[in-house]
Amino acid sequence: MINNELWKKCAEFHGHECPGLAIGYRASLYAAELLGVEPSPESGVKCVAGTDKCPVDAVRVIFGCTEQNGRLSFDLAGEIVFTFTAPGGKSVRLELTDLGHDLPKAEKFTLFHEAPAQDMFKVS
């Protein structure tokens, strides 16, 4: 599930490895799969994020979305939710489920790296 080179780029950009970064990493890769695009900055994917915390750094690295290029915006509703839109208008909304909610941080990190994406995110 984890592409070590891409994960390392995300962690390097973010400054450390953490469960939040793993959430954004997995959400970005799952969105790419669902939208039928390559997980790359050249894909042209846009993102509206429901958080401005750790997960967003993975979105920045994987899709090249930034506020400056107009491909990253925020709807801070207090939820970990992302709406990814591919060129052409196809969109997918991914909302983090309660999976691992009560686990210690180290166990969440492992879970978020290994759990099936469909168990981690509610898709709409």
N, C-alpha and C. Protein backbone atom coordinates (compact mmCIF):
# COMPACT_ATOMS: atom_id res chain seq x y z
N MET A 1 0.81 -1.19 0.00
CA MET A 1 0.00 0.00 0.00
C MET A 1 0.86 1.27 0.00
N ILE A 2 2.02 1.22 0.63
CA ILE A 2 2.85 2.40 0.75
C ILE A 2 3.94 2.37 -0.31
N ASN A 3 4.00 3.43 -1.11
CA ASN A 3 5.06 3.63 -2.08
C ASN A 3 6.17 4.34 -1.32
N ASN A 4 7.23 3.64 -0.99
CA ASN A 4 8.25 4.19 -0.09
C ASN A 4 8.84 5.49 -0.57
N GLU A 5 9.12 5.63 -1.87
CA GLU A 5 9.71 6.86 -2.38
C GLU A 5 8.75 8.04 -2.22
N LEU A 6 7.51 7.84 -2.58
CA LEU A 6 6.51 8.90 -2.47
C LEU A 6 6.24 9.23 -1.00
N TRP A 7 6.14 8.21 -0.17
CA TRP A 7 5.93 8.44 1.27
C TRP A 7 7.09 9.26 1.84
N LYS A 8 8.32 8.92 1.47
CA LYS A 8 9.49 9.65 1.97
C LYS A 8 9.44 11.12 1.56
N LYS A 9 8.99 11.40 0.32
CA LYS A 9 8.86 12.79 -0.13
C LYS A 9 7.84 13.53 0.73
N CYS A 10 6.73 12.87 1.03
CA CYS A 10 5.70 13.50 1.87
C CYS A 10 6.24 13.79 3.26
N ALA A 11 6.89 12.80 3.86
CA ALA A 11 7.43 12.96 5.22
C ALA A 11 8.52 14.03 5.27
N GLU A 12 9.34 14.07 4.24
CA GLU A 12 10.40 15.08 4.17
C GLU A 12 9.78 16.49 4.09
N PHE A 13 8.78 16.65 3.25
CA PHE A 13 8.11 17.94 3.12
C PHE A 13 7.43 18.34 4.43
N HIS A 14 6.78 17.39 5.07
CA HIS A 14 6.02 17.64 6.30
C HIS A 14 6.94 17.84 7.51
N GLY A 15 8.09 17.20 7.49
CA GLY A 15 9.04 17.34 8.60
C GLY A 15 9.10 16.14 9.53
N HIS A 16 8.13 15.25 9.44
CA HIS A 16 8.14 14.03 10.25
C HIS A 16 7.04 13.09 9.75
N GLU A 17 7.09 11.86 10.21
CA GLU A 17 6.05 10.88 9.90
C GLU A 17 5.03 10.89 11.04
N CYS A 18 3.74 10.88 10.68
CA CYS A 18 2.71 10.88 11.71
C CYS A 18 1.42 10.29 11.13
N PRO A 19 0.48 9.91 12.00
CA PRO A 19 -0.79 9.36 11.50
C PRO A 19 -1.54 10.32 10.58
N GLY A 20 -1.50 11.61 10.88
CA GLY A 20 -2.20 12.58 10.04
C GLY A 20 -1.66 12.62 8.63
N LEU A 21 -0.36 12.59 8.49
CA LEU A 21 0.25 12.57 7.17
C LEU A 21 -0.14 11.30 6.43
N ALA A 22 -0.18 10.18 7.14
CA ALA A 22 -0.59 8.91 6.53
C ALA A 22 -2.02 8.99 6.01
N ILE A 23 -2.90 9.69 6.73
CA ILE A 23 -4.28 9.86 6.28
C ILE A 23 -4.32 10.60 4.94
N GLY A 24 -3.61 11.71 4.86
CA GLY A 24 -3.58 12.47 3.61
C GLY A 24 -2.95 11.71 2.47
N TYR A 25 -1.92 10.95 2.78
CA TYR A 25 -1.24 10.12 1.79
C TYR A 25 -2.20 9.09 1.21
N ARG A 26 -2.87 8.37 2.11
CA ARG A 26 -3.81 7.33 1.66
C ARG A 26 -5.00 7.92 0.93
N ALA A 27 -5.51 9.07 1.42
CA ALA A 27 -6.65 9.72 0.77
C ALA A 27 -6.27 10.15 -0.65
N SER A 28 -5.08 10.70 -0.82
CA SER A 28 -4.65 11.16 -2.14
C SER A 28 -4.51 9.99 -3.11
N LEU A 29 -3.91 8.91 -2.66
CA LEU A 29 -3.75 7.76 -3.55
C LEU A 29 -5.09 7.11 -3.88
N TYR A 30 -5.98 7.07 -2.91
CA TYR A 30 -7.31 6.50 -3.14
C TYR A 30 -8.10 7.38 -4.11
N ALA A 31 -7.99 8.68 -3.93
CA ALA A 31 -8.68 9.61 -4.85
C ALA A 31 -8.15 9.44 -6.27
N ALA A 32 -6.85 9.31 -6.42
CA ALA A 32 -6.27 9.12 -7.76
C ALA A 32 -6.85 7.87 -8.40
N GLU A 33 -6.94 6.80 -7.63
CA GLU A 33 -7.50 5.54 -8.13
C GLU A 33 -8.96 5.73 -8.54
N LEU A 34 -9.76 6.35 -7.69
CA LEU A 34 -11.18 6.53 -7.97
C LEU A 34 -11.44 7.49 -9.13
N LEU A 35 -10.58 8.48 -9.29
CA LEU A 35 -10.74 9.46 -10.37
C LEU A 35 -10.11 9.00 -11.68
N GLY A 36 -9.28 7.96 -11.59
CA GLY A 36 -8.60 7.46 -12.79
C GLY A 36 -7.50 8.38 -13.29
N VAL A 37 -6.77 9.00 -12.35
CA VAL A 37 -5.67 9.89 -12.71
C VAL A 37 -4.39 9.40 -12.05
N GLU A 38 -3.27 9.89 -12.55
CA GLU A 38 -1.99 9.58 -11.93
C GLU A 38 -1.82 10.43 -10.67
N PRO A 39 -1.29 9.85 -9.61
CA PRO A 39 -1.02 10.65 -8.41
C PRO A 39 0.25 11.47 -8.61
N SER A 40 0.12 12.58 -9.34
CA SER A 40 1.28 13.43 -9.62
C SER A 40 0.85 14.89 -9.70
N PRO A 41 1.79 15.80 -9.48
CA PRO A 41 1.48 17.22 -9.58
C PRO A 41 0.97 17.63 -10.97
N GLU A 42 1.32 16.86 -12.00
CA GLU A 42 0.90 17.17 -13.37
C GLU A 42 -0.53 16.73 -13.66
N SER A 43 -1.17 16.06 -12.72
CA SER A 43 -2.52 15.53 -12.95
C SER A 43 -3.58 16.63 -13.05
N GLY A 44 -3.32 17.79 -12.47
CA GLY A 44 -4.28 18.88 -12.50
C GLY A 44 -5.40 18.75 -11.48
N VAL A 45 -5.30 17.79 -10.57
CA VAL A 45 -6.33 17.58 -9.55
C VAL A 45 -6.38 18.78 -8.61
N LYS A 46 -7.61 19.16 -8.23
CA LYS A 46 -7.85 20.19 -7.24
C LYS A 46 -8.37 19.53 -5.97
N CYS A 47 -8.19 20.20 -4.84
CA CYS A 47 -8.66 19.65 -3.57
C CYS A 47 -9.25 20.74 -2.69
N VAL A 48 -10.40 20.41 -2.11
CA VAL A 48 -10.98 21.22 -1.04
C VAL A 48 -10.86 20.36 0.21
N ALA A 49 -10.12 20.85 1.19
CA ALA A 49 -9.85 20.08 2.40
C ALA A 49 -10.64 20.63 3.58
N GLY A 50 -11.11 19.72 4.42
CA GLY A 50 -11.85 20.09 5.62
C GLY A 50 -10.96 20.30 6.81
N THR A 51 -9.66 20.18 6.62
CA THR A 51 -8.67 20.41 7.67
C THR A 51 -7.48 21.12 7.06
N ASP A 52 -6.78 21.88 7.86
CA ASP A 52 -5.54 22.51 7.39
C ASP A 52 -4.34 21.94 8.15
N LYS A 53 -4.51 20.75 8.69
CA LYS A 53 -3.48 20.09 9.50
C LYS A 53 -2.62 19.14 8.65
N CYS A 54 -1.97 18.22 9.30
CA CYS A 54 -1.00 17.30 8.71
C CYS A 54 -1.41 16.63 7.40
N PRO A 55 -2.65 16.12 7.29
CA PRO A 55 -2.99 15.40 6.05
C PRO A 55 -2.81 16.21 4.78
N VAL A 56 -2.97 17.52 4.87
CA VAL A 56 -2.93 18.36 3.68
C VAL A 56 -1.53 18.40 3.06
N ASP A 57 -0.49 18.21 3.85
CA ASP A 57 0.86 18.22 3.29
C ASP A 57 1.05 17.08 2.29
N ALA A 58 0.44 15.95 2.52
CA ALA A 58 0.53 14.85 1.56
C ALA A 58 -0.17 15.22 0.26
N VAL A 59 -1.31 15.89 0.36
CA VAL A 59 -2.03 16.35 -0.83
C VAL A 59 -1.16 17.32 -1.63
N ARG A 60 -0.48 18.21 -0.92
CA ARG A 60 0.41 19.17 -1.58
C ARG A 60 1.51 18.47 -2.37
N VAL A 61 2.11 17.46 -1.77
CA VAL A 61 3.21 16.75 -2.41
C VAL A 61 2.70 15.87 -3.56
N ILE A 62 1.68 15.09 -3.32
CA ILE A 62 1.23 14.11 -4.30
C ILE A 62 0.58 14.76 -5.51
N PHE A 63 -0.28 15.77 -5.28
CA PHE A 63 -0.99 16.39 -6.40
C PHE A 63 -0.47 17.78 -6.77
N GLY A 64 0.46 18.32 -6.00
CA GLY A 64 0.97 19.66 -6.31
C GLY A 64 -0.05 20.75 -6.06
N CYS A 65 -1.04 20.46 -5.24
CA CYS A 65 -2.08 21.44 -4.93
C CYS A 65 -1.54 22.46 -3.92
N THR A 66 -1.70 23.73 -4.24
CA THR A 66 -1.34 24.80 -3.30
C THR A 66 -2.39 25.89 -3.38
N GLU A 67 -2.42 26.70 -2.36
CA GLU A 67 -3.32 27.85 -2.39
C GLU A 67 -2.89 28.81 -3.51
N GLN A 68 -1.59 28.92 -3.70
CA GLN A 68 -1.04 29.85 -4.68
C GLN A 68 -1.42 29.49 -6.12
N ASN A 69 -1.48 28.20 -6.44
CA ASN A 69 -1.83 27.82 -7.81
C ASN A 69 -3.35 27.62 -7.98
N GLY A 70 -4.09 27.88 -6.91
CA GLY A 70 -5.54 27.82 -6.98
C GLY A 70 -6.12 26.41 -6.97
N ARG A 71 -5.30 25.42 -6.66
CA ARG A 71 -5.77 24.04 -6.67
C ARG A 71 -6.00 23.47 -5.28
N LEU A 72 -5.81 24.30 -4.24
CA LEU A 72 -6.06 23.87 -2.87
C LEU A 72 -6.85 24.97 -2.16
N SER A 73 -7.98 24.55 -1.59
CA SER A 73 -8.76 25.49 -0.78
C SER A 73 -9.28 24.72 0.43
N PHE A 74 -9.85 25.47 1.36
CA PHE A 74 -10.27 24.88 2.62
C PHE A 74 -11.71 25.22 2.93
N ASP A 75 -12.40 24.23 3.49
CA ASP A 75 -13.74 24.40 4.05
C ASP A 75 -13.64 23.79 5.44
N LEU A 76 -13.14 24.58 6.37
CA LEU A 76 -12.77 24.07 7.69
C LEU A 76 -13.99 23.83 8.56
N ALA A 77 -14.52 22.63 8.43
CA ALA A 77 -15.71 22.24 9.19
C ALA A 77 -15.35 21.36 10.38
N GLY A 78 -14.06 21.16 10.62
CA GLY A 78 -13.63 20.36 11.75
C GLY A 78 -13.62 18.87 11.48
N GLU A 79 -13.79 18.48 10.22
CA GLU A 79 -13.78 17.07 9.85
C GLU A 79 -12.58 16.79 8.96
N ILE A 80 -12.11 15.56 8.99
CA ILE A 80 -11.07 15.18 8.05
C ILE A 80 -11.79 14.65 6.81
N VAL A 81 -11.98 15.56 5.88
CA VAL A 81 -12.70 15.26 4.65
C VAL A 81 -12.01 16.01 3.51
N PHE A 82 -11.98 15.37 2.35
CA PHE A 82 -11.36 15.95 1.17
C PHE A 82 -12.30 15.78 -0.01
N THR A 83 -12.43 16.80 -0.83
CA THR A 83 -13.11 16.67 -2.11
C THR A 83 -12.06 16.91 -3.18
N PHE A 84 -11.78 15.87 -3.94
CA PHE A 84 -10.81 15.93 -5.02
C PHE A 84 -11.56 16.04 -6.34
N THR A 85 -11.12 16.94 -7.21
CA THR A 85 -11.75 17.12 -8.51
C THR A 85 -10.69 17.02 -9.60
N ALA A 86 -10.94 16.14 -10.55
CA ALA A 86 -10.02 15.95 -11.67
C ALA A 86 -10.38 16.93 -12.80
N PRO A 87 -9.42 17.21 -13.67
CA PRO A 87 -9.76 18.01 -14.85
C PRO A 87 -10.93 17.33 -15.58
N GLY A 88 -11.86 18.10 -16.03
CA GLY A 88 -13.06 17.53 -16.64
C GLY A 88 -14.23 17.52 -15.69
N GLY A 89 -13.96 17.72 -14.38
CA GLY A 89 -15.04 17.88 -13.42
C GLY A 89 -15.43 16.68 -12.59
N LYS A 90 -14.89 15.50 -12.85
CA LYS A 90 -15.22 14.34 -12.01
C LYS A 90 -14.67 14.56 -10.60
N SER A 91 -15.53 14.37 -9.59
CA SER A 91 -15.14 14.62 -8.20
C SER A 91 -15.39 13.40 -7.32
N VAL A 92 -14.64 13.33 -6.25
CA VAL A 92 -14.86 12.31 -5.22
C VAL A 92 -14.63 12.97 -3.86
N ARG A 93 -15.52 12.65 -2.93
CA ARG A 93 -15.40 13.17 -1.56
C ARG A 93 -15.02 12.00 -0.66
N LEU A 94 -13.95 12.17 0.09
CA LEU A 94 -13.47 11.14 1.01
C LEU A 94 -13.53 11.68 2.43
N GLU A 95 -14.24 10.98 3.28
CA GLU A 95 -14.37 11.37 4.68
C GLU A 95 -13.78 10.26 5.54
N LEU A 96 -12.88 10.62 6.44
CA LEU A 96 -12.25 9.65 7.33
C LEU A 96 -13.30 8.99 8.21
N THR A 97 -13.27 7.67 8.28
CA THR A 97 -14.18 6.93 9.16
C THR A 97 -13.62 6.95 10.59
N ASP A 98 -14.30 6.28 11.50
CA ASP A 98 -13.85 6.19 12.89
C ASP A 98 -12.79 5.11 13.09
N LEU A 99 -12.34 4.49 12.02
CA LEU A 99 -11.35 3.42 12.12
C LEU A 99 -10.15 3.85 12.96
N GLY A 100 -9.89 3.12 14.02
CA GLY A 100 -8.73 3.37 14.86
C GLY A 100 -8.83 4.58 15.77
N HIS A 101 -10.01 5.13 15.90
CA HIS A 101 -10.21 6.36 16.67
C HIS A 101 -9.64 6.28 18.09
N ASP A 102 -9.80 5.16 18.75
CA ASP A 102 -9.38 5.04 20.15
C ASP A 102 -7.98 4.44 20.33
N LEU A 103 -7.28 4.20 19.24
CA LEU A 103 -5.96 3.59 19.33
C LEU A 103 -4.89 4.61 19.71
N PRO A 104 -3.80 4.15 20.35
CA PRO A 104 -2.66 5.03 20.60
C PRO A 104 -2.04 5.47 19.26
N LYS A 105 -1.32 6.58 19.29
CA LYS A 105 -0.75 7.19 18.08
C LYS A 105 0.06 6.20 17.24
N ALA A 106 0.94 5.43 17.87
CA ALA A 106 1.79 4.49 17.12
C ALA A 106 0.95 3.43 16.40
N GLU A 107 -0.10 2.96 17.05
CA GLU A 107 -0.96 1.95 16.44
C GLU A 107 -1.78 2.56 15.31
N LYS A 108 -2.21 3.81 15.45
CA LYS A 108 -2.93 4.50 14.37
C LYS A 108 -2.04 4.61 13.14
N PHE A 109 -0.79 4.97 13.36
CA PHE A 109 0.17 5.12 12.26
C PHE A 109 0.24 3.83 11.45
N THR A 110 0.42 2.71 12.14
CA THR A 110 0.49 1.42 11.46
C THR A 110 -0.82 1.09 10.78
N LEU A 111 -1.92 1.28 11.46
CA LEU A 111 -3.24 1.00 10.89
C LEU A 111 -3.46 1.81 9.62
N PHE A 112 -3.15 3.11 9.65
CA PHE A 112 -3.40 3.96 8.49
C PHE A 112 -2.50 3.62 7.31
N HIS A 113 -1.40 2.96 7.56
CA HIS A 113 -0.55 2.50 6.47
C HIS A 113 -1.05 1.19 5.88
N GLU A 114 -1.71 0.37 6.68
CA GLU A 114 -2.04 -0.99 6.26
C GLU A 114 -3.51 -1.25 5.96
N ALA A 115 -4.41 -0.48 6.50
CA ALA A 115 -5.85 -0.74 6.33
C ALA A 115 -6.27 -0.51 4.88
N PRO A 116 -7.23 -1.29 4.39
CA PRO A 116 -7.78 -1.02 3.06
C PRO A 116 -8.38 0.38 3.02
N ALA A 117 -8.14 1.10 1.94
CA ALA A 117 -8.63 2.47 1.83
C ALA A 117 -10.12 2.56 2.00
N GLN A 118 -10.87 1.56 1.52
CA GLN A 118 -12.33 1.58 1.64
C GLN A 118 -12.78 1.44 3.08
N ASP A 119 -11.92 0.96 3.99
CA ASP A 119 -12.23 0.91 5.41
C ASP A 119 -11.90 2.23 6.10
N MET A 120 -10.97 2.97 5.51
CA MET A 120 -10.53 4.24 6.09
C MET A 120 -11.45 5.40 5.73
N PHE A 121 -12.04 5.34 4.53
CA PHE A 121 -12.78 6.49 4.02
C PHE A 121 -14.18 6.14 3.55
N LYS A 122 -15.10 7.01 3.88
CA LYS A 122 -16.46 6.96 3.33
C LYS A 122 -16.40 7.74 2.02
N VAL A 123 -16.85 7.14 0.94
CA VAL A 123 -16.77 7.74 -0.39
C VAL A 123 -18.14 8.25 -0.82
N SER A 124 -18.16 9.46 -1.32
CA SER A 124 -19.39 9.98 -1.93
C SER A 124 -19.04 10.89 -3.08
